[in-house]
Amino acid sequence: MKLTYIGVDNIPMVEPGDDLLTLIDAGLVSMGEQLMASDVIVMAQKIVSKAEDRYLDLNSVTLSAEAQQLATEVDKDPRKVQAILDESNEVVRKRPGVLIVEQNQGFVQANAGIDQSNIDVDGIDADDLCLLLPLDSDASAATLCDAVKARHNIEVGVIINDSVGRAWRMGTMGLAIGVAGFTALEDYIGQTDIYGREMVVTQVGAADEMAAGASLVMGQTTEKTPVVIVRGYHPRDPQDDTLRGVKPLLRPKEMDMFR
């Protein structure tokens, strides 16, 4: 297998309501490229959230007693702590400077994925502005899949990518928070290795592996490459609805040794 990662040039600053496929198509055309069948489109979460107008003015937040107490414990802006709680199912870990939660979609991450970097809205001070994750990242990914099918009559995979920290390791890496068009978790249980031994526990987070690779192309600061095309993977649409989306990648709470 040969995998090629293609950073899409000339994606402009995304505004609420923008058609992301139109921006991707134009960027590819500017490079002499086009989408091909079985490509996987990896998009930075930030441009999806911007297009879906997931901005939050912290001045609009109503503070609870819980948020005020927690803000004191973790030394954070109480308004942002309230926003994190509003976007979360539960607090998983906390200490000064760190607040780890289970976000509403089931991801365990810092600050419910709420971000304040590389965003700007006229009339709102930068310290008061946040960007939330998409309401339903799988649905956002599926919408782009359907748009590609309708416009180009080809099947592709889509990953919405976010930078997430990991237990045991320093540094963040790209992880899939939304998946459509293929099975995010490849299951090899029951198959055999090259010596004929049966695989008992082997499952591969293919969507996360592609998200991590794409993050190296995207960069984290001023690169302005929020879309990467992965070519050569040949994604397969799952037949079982329970295998669709990002949910197969999320470890059940009862199996999570860190909670």
Protein backbone atom coordinates (compact mmCIF):
# COMPACT_ATOMS: atom_id res chain seq x y z
CA MET A 1 0.00 0.00 0.00
CA LYS A 2 1.16 3.51 -0.82
CA LEU A 3 -0.42 6.40 1.05
CA THR A 4 -0.05 9.97 -0.16
CA TYR A 5 -0.91 12.99 1.99
CA ILE A 6 -1.80 16.08 -0.05
CA GLY A 7 -2.17 19.38 1.76
CA VAL A 8 -4.80 21.49 0.00
CA ASP A 9 -3.49 24.97 -0.82
CA ASN A 10 -5.34 28.26 -0.88
CA ILE A 11 -8.13 27.49 1.57
CA PRO A 12 -9.28 30.95 2.69
CA MET A 13 -10.26 31.93 6.21
CA VAL A 14 -13.56 30.13 6.71
CA GLU A 15 -16.64 32.14 7.63
CA PRO A 16 -19.99 31.00 9.01
CA GLY A 17 -22.15 29.51 6.25
CA ASP A 18 -19.26 28.75 3.89
CA ASP A 19 -19.62 25.69 1.65
CA LEU A 20 -16.54 23.66 2.60
CA LEU A 21 -16.66 21.43 -0.48
CA THR A 22 -16.59 24.48 -2.75
CA LEU A 23 -13.52 25.77 -0.90
CA ILE A 24 -11.82 22.35 -1.11
CA ASP A 25 -12.58 21.98 -4.82
CA ALA A 26 -11.21 25.45 -5.57
CA GLY A 27 -8.06 24.78 -3.54
CA LEU A 28 -7.42 21.53 -5.39
CA VAL A 29 -8.01 23.15 -8.78
CA SER A 30 -5.43 25.82 -7.91
CA MET A 31 -2.93 22.97 -7.46
CA GLY A 32 -3.91 21.11 -10.63
CA GLU A 33 -5.58 18.41 -8.51
CA GLN A 34 -9.09 17.08 -8.02
CA LEU A 35 -10.88 14.67 -5.73
CA MET A 36 -10.65 11.04 -6.74
CA ALA A 37 -12.73 8.02 -5.80
CA SER A 38 -11.61 6.50 -2.47
CA ASP A 39 -9.82 9.65 -1.30
CA VAL A 40 -10.15 10.44 2.40
CA ILE A 41 -10.71 14.13 3.13
CA VAL A 42 -9.26 15.13 6.50
CA MET A 43 -10.53 18.49 7.75
CA ALA A 44 -9.37 20.41 10.79
CA GLN A 45 -12.18 20.68 13.32
CA LYS A 46 -11.71 24.42 13.42
CA ILE A 47 -12.89 25.08 9.86
CA VAL A 48 -15.94 22.87 10.37
CA SER A 49 -16.84 24.71 13.57
CA LYS A 50 -16.31 28.07 11.87
CA ALA A 51 -18.52 27.11 8.92
CA GLU A 52 -21.19 25.96 11.38
CA ASP A 53 -20.89 29.22 13.37
CA ARG A 54 -19.97 27.51 16.63
CA TYR A 55 -18.57 30.74 18.07
CA LEU A 56 -19.33 31.59 21.67
CA ASP A 57 -19.08 35.03 23.28
CA LEU A 58 -18.14 34.30 26.90
CA ASN A 59 -20.06 37.40 27.96
CA SER A 60 -23.25 35.52 27.07
CA VAL A 61 -22.54 32.69 29.55
CA THR A 62 -24.60 32.40 32.73
CA LEU A 63 -22.38 31.32 35.61
CA SER A 64 -23.36 28.54 37.99
CA ALA A 65 -22.03 28.00 41.51
CA GLU A 66 -20.36 24.81 40.28
CA ALA A 67 -18.46 26.68 37.56
CA GLN A 68 -17.32 29.37 39.97
CA GLN A 69 -16.02 26.82 42.48
CA LEU A 70 -14.34 24.72 39.79
CA ALA A 71 -12.74 27.82 38.24
CA THR A 72 -11.07 28.54 41.58
CA GLU A 73 -9.75 24.96 41.76
CA VAL A 74 -8.30 24.93 38.24
CA ASP A 75 -7.36 28.62 38.00
CA LYS A 76 -9.37 29.34 34.86
CA ASP A 77 -11.79 32.03 33.71
CA PRO A 78 -15.13 31.08 35.34
CA ARG A 79 -16.95 31.90 32.11
CA LYS A 80 -14.82 29.44 30.16
CA VAL A 81 -15.27 26.79 32.86
CA GLN A 82 -19.03 27.24 32.53
CA ALA A 83 -18.77 26.84 28.77
CA ILE A 84 -16.75 23.65 29.29
CA LEU A 85 -19.37 22.28 31.67
CA ASP A 86 -22.14 23.16 29.23
CA GLU A 87 -20.32 21.15 26.53
CA SER A 88 -19.57 18.17 28.78
CA ASN A 89 -21.14 15.07 30.27
CA GLU A 90 -18.79 14.92 33.26
CA VAL A 91 -15.50 16.14 34.70
CA VAL A 92 -12.91 13.35 34.49
CA ARG A 93 -9.77 14.96 36.00
CA LYS A 94 -8.83 18.38 37.32
CA ARG A 95 -5.86 20.22 38.76
CA PRO A 96 -4.64 23.84 38.52
CA GLY A 97 -4.35 24.69 34.84
CA VAL A 98 -5.94 21.44 33.61
CA LEU A 99 -9.58 20.41 33.20
CA ILE A 100 -10.24 17.06 31.51
CA VAL A 101 -13.85 16.23 30.67
CA GLU A 102 -15.99 13.87 28.68
CA GLN A 103 -17.33 16.11 25.94
CA ASN A 104 -21.00 15.79 24.97
CA GLN A 105 -20.14 13.55 22.01
CA GLY A 106 -18.17 11.15 24.24
CA PHE A 107 -14.59 12.31 23.64
CA VAL A 108 -12.37 12.59 26.72
CA GLN A 109 -10.24 15.69 26.21
CA ALA A 110 -9.08 18.93 27.75
CA ASN A 111 -11.58 21.78 27.97
CA ALA A 112 -14.27 19.94 25.94
CA GLY A 113 -12.32 20.87 22.82
CA ILE A 114 -13.10 24.55 23.30
CA ASP A 115 -10.44 26.68 21.64
CA GLN A 116 -9.43 30.34 21.54
CA SER A 117 -6.56 30.26 19.02
CA ASN A 118 -6.68 31.49 15.42
CA ILE A 119 -10.22 32.86 15.66
CA ASP A 120 -11.57 36.39 15.23
CA VAL A 121 -15.04 37.92 15.13
CA ASP A 122 -15.64 41.62 14.63
CA GLY A 123 -16.94 43.30 17.76
CA ILE A 124 -15.86 40.60 20.22
CA ASP A 125 -12.66 40.90 22.21
CA ALA A 126 -10.26 37.99 21.66
CA ASP A 127 -10.29 37.12 25.38
CA ASP A 128 -14.09 36.78 25.26
CA LEU A 129 -14.28 34.61 22.12
CA CYS A 130 -14.31 30.80 21.99
CA LEU A 131 -14.94 28.19 19.31
CA LEU A 132 -16.88 25.05 20.24
CA LEU A 133 -16.74 21.64 18.59
CA PRO A 134 -19.42 20.84 15.99
CA LEU A 135 -22.70 19.78 17.56
CA ASP A 136 -22.47 16.39 15.83
CA SER A 137 -19.10 15.74 14.22
CA ASP A 138 -20.18 12.50 12.54
CA ALA A 139 -23.14 14.29 10.96
CA SER A 140 -20.84 17.06 9.74
CA ALA A 141 -18.53 14.47 8.16
CA ALA A 142 -21.48 12.65 6.58
CA THR A 143 -22.79 15.91 5.12
CA LEU A 144 -19.52 16.43 3.24
CA CYS A 145 -19.51 12.79 2.08
CA ASP A 146 -22.99 13.24 0.66
CA ALA A 147 -22.04 16.54 -0.99
CA VAL A 148 -19.06 14.91 -2.74
CA LYS A 149 -21.28 12.09 -3.98
CA ALA A 150 -23.89 14.53 -5.27
CA ARG A 151 -21.41 16.87 -6.99
CA HIS A 152 -18.73 14.50 -8.26
CA ASN A 153 -20.45 11.09 -8.22
CA ILE A 154 -17.61 9.45 -6.31
CA GLU A 155 -17.37 7.78 -2.91
CA VAL A 156 -14.89 9.26 -0.42
CA GLY A 157 -14.16 9.04 3.28
CA VAL A 158 -14.19 12.06 5.57
CA ILE A 159 -12.41 12.65 8.88
CA ILE A 160 -12.84 15.66 11.15
CA ASN A 161 -9.53 16.03 12.94
CA ASP A 162 -8.74 17.61 16.31
CA SER A 163 -5.54 17.90 18.36
CA VAL A 164 -5.86 15.82 21.53
CA GLY A 165 -3.48 14.90 24.35
CA ARG A 166 -3.00 11.25 25.37
CA ALA A 167 -2.43 9.30 28.56
CA TRP A 168 1.21 8.20 29.00
CA ARG A 169 2.52 10.57 26.29
CA MET A 170 3.56 14.20 26.06
CA GLY A 171 2.34 16.36 23.22
CA THR A 172 -0.87 16.42 21.25
CA MET A 173 -1.64 14.54 18.06
CA GLY A 174 -4.43 14.54 15.53
CA LEU A 175 -7.34 12.28 16.38
CA ALA A 176 -10.61 11.70 14.56
CA ILE A 177 -13.66 13.26 16.21
CA GLY A 178 -15.95 12.74 13.21
CA VAL A 179 -15.88 9.99 10.58
CA ALA A 180 -18.01 9.13 7.55
CA GLY A 181 -17.69 6.88 4.52
CA PHE A 182 -15.57 4.12 6.05
CA THR A 183 -14.99 2.02 9.14
CA ALA A 184 -12.95 4.05 11.63
CA LEU A 185 -11.89 0.95 13.58
CA GLU A 186 -10.48 -1.98 11.60
CA ASP A 187 -11.20 -5.23 13.47
CA TYR A 188 -8.72 -8.10 12.94
CA ILE A 189 -10.00 -10.30 15.76
CA GLY A 190 -10.37 -13.86 14.46
CA GLN A 191 -7.93 -13.38 11.61
CA THR A 192 -4.45 -14.92 11.66
CA ASP A 193 -0.93 -13.50 11.63
CA ILE A 194 1.78 -14.58 9.18
CA TYR A 195 2.46 -17.67 11.32
CA GLY A 196 -1.16 -18.71 11.52
CA ARG A 197 -1.76 -17.52 15.07
CA GLU A 198 -5.27 -16.21 15.68
CA MET A 199 -5.62 -12.52 16.47
CA VAL A 200 -7.41 -12.17 19.81
CA VAL A 201 -7.45 -8.43 20.57
CA THR A 202 -6.04 -6.62 17.52
CA GLN A 203 -8.06 -3.65 16.35
CA VAL A 204 -6.58 -0.72 14.43
CA GLY A 205 -7.81 2.86 14.74
CA ALA A 206 -7.40 3.61 11.04
CA ALA A 207 -9.18 6.96 11.22
CA ASP A 208 -6.94 8.10 14.09
CA GLU A 209 -3.81 6.98 12.24
CA MET A 210 -4.78 8.99 9.16
CA ALA A 211 -5.76 11.96 11.33
CA ALA A 212 -2.35 11.91 13.01
CA GLY A 213 -0.53 11.78 9.68
CA ALA A 214 -2.64 14.59 8.29
CA SER A 215 -1.87 16.75 11.33
CA LEU A 216 1.81 16.77 10.39
CA VAL A 217 0.83 18.28 7.04
CA MET A 218 -1.68 20.69 8.55
CA GLY A 219 0.69 22.11 11.18
CA GLN A 220 -0.38 23.82 14.38
CA THR A 221 0.46 27.52 14.02
CA THR A 222 0.61 29.62 10.83
CA GLU A 223 0.66 26.96 8.10
CA LYS A 224 -2.96 27.57 6.99
CA THR A 225 -3.44 24.04 5.64
CA PRO A 226 -6.69 22.89 7.28
CA VAL A 227 -7.54 20.24 4.68
CA VAL A 228 -5.47 17.20 3.69
CA ILE A 229 -6.34 14.53 1.14
CA VAL A 230 -5.21 10.99 1.97
CA ARG A 231 -4.88 8.96 -1.23
CA GLY A 232 -4.33 5.23 -1.47
CA TYR A 233 -6.22 3.97 1.58
CA HIS A 234 -9.37 2.81 -0.29
CA PRO A 235 -11.96 3.23 2.48
CA ARG A 236 -14.86 0.79 2.68
CA ASP A 237 -18.29 1.95 3.81
CA PRO A 238 -19.41 -0.23 6.75
CA GLN A 239 -22.54 -2.30 6.20
CA ASP A 240 -23.35 -2.44 9.91
CA ASP A 241 -24.74 0.86 11.22
CA THR A 242 -23.08 0.25 14.61
CA LEU A 243 -19.69 0.53 12.88
CA ARG A 244 -20.40 3.95 11.37
CA GLY A 245 -18.94 7.18 12.65
CA VAL A 246 -16.38 7.75 15.39
CA LYS A 247 -18.19 5.81 18.15
CA PRO A 248 -16.32 2.51 17.54
CA LEU A 249 -13.09 4.34 18.48
CA LEU A 250 -14.36 5.48 21.89
CA ARG A 251 -13.40 3.13 24.71
CA PRO A 252 -16.43 2.30 26.87
CA LYS A 253 -16.24 3.89 30.30
CA GLU A 254 -16.35 0.53 32.07
CA MET A 255 -13.20 -0.50 30.14
CA ASP A 256 -11.35 2.76 30.73
CA MET A 257 -8.69 2.19 33.39
CA PHE A 258 -8.10 5.94 33.69
CA ARG A 259 -11.61 6.71 34.98
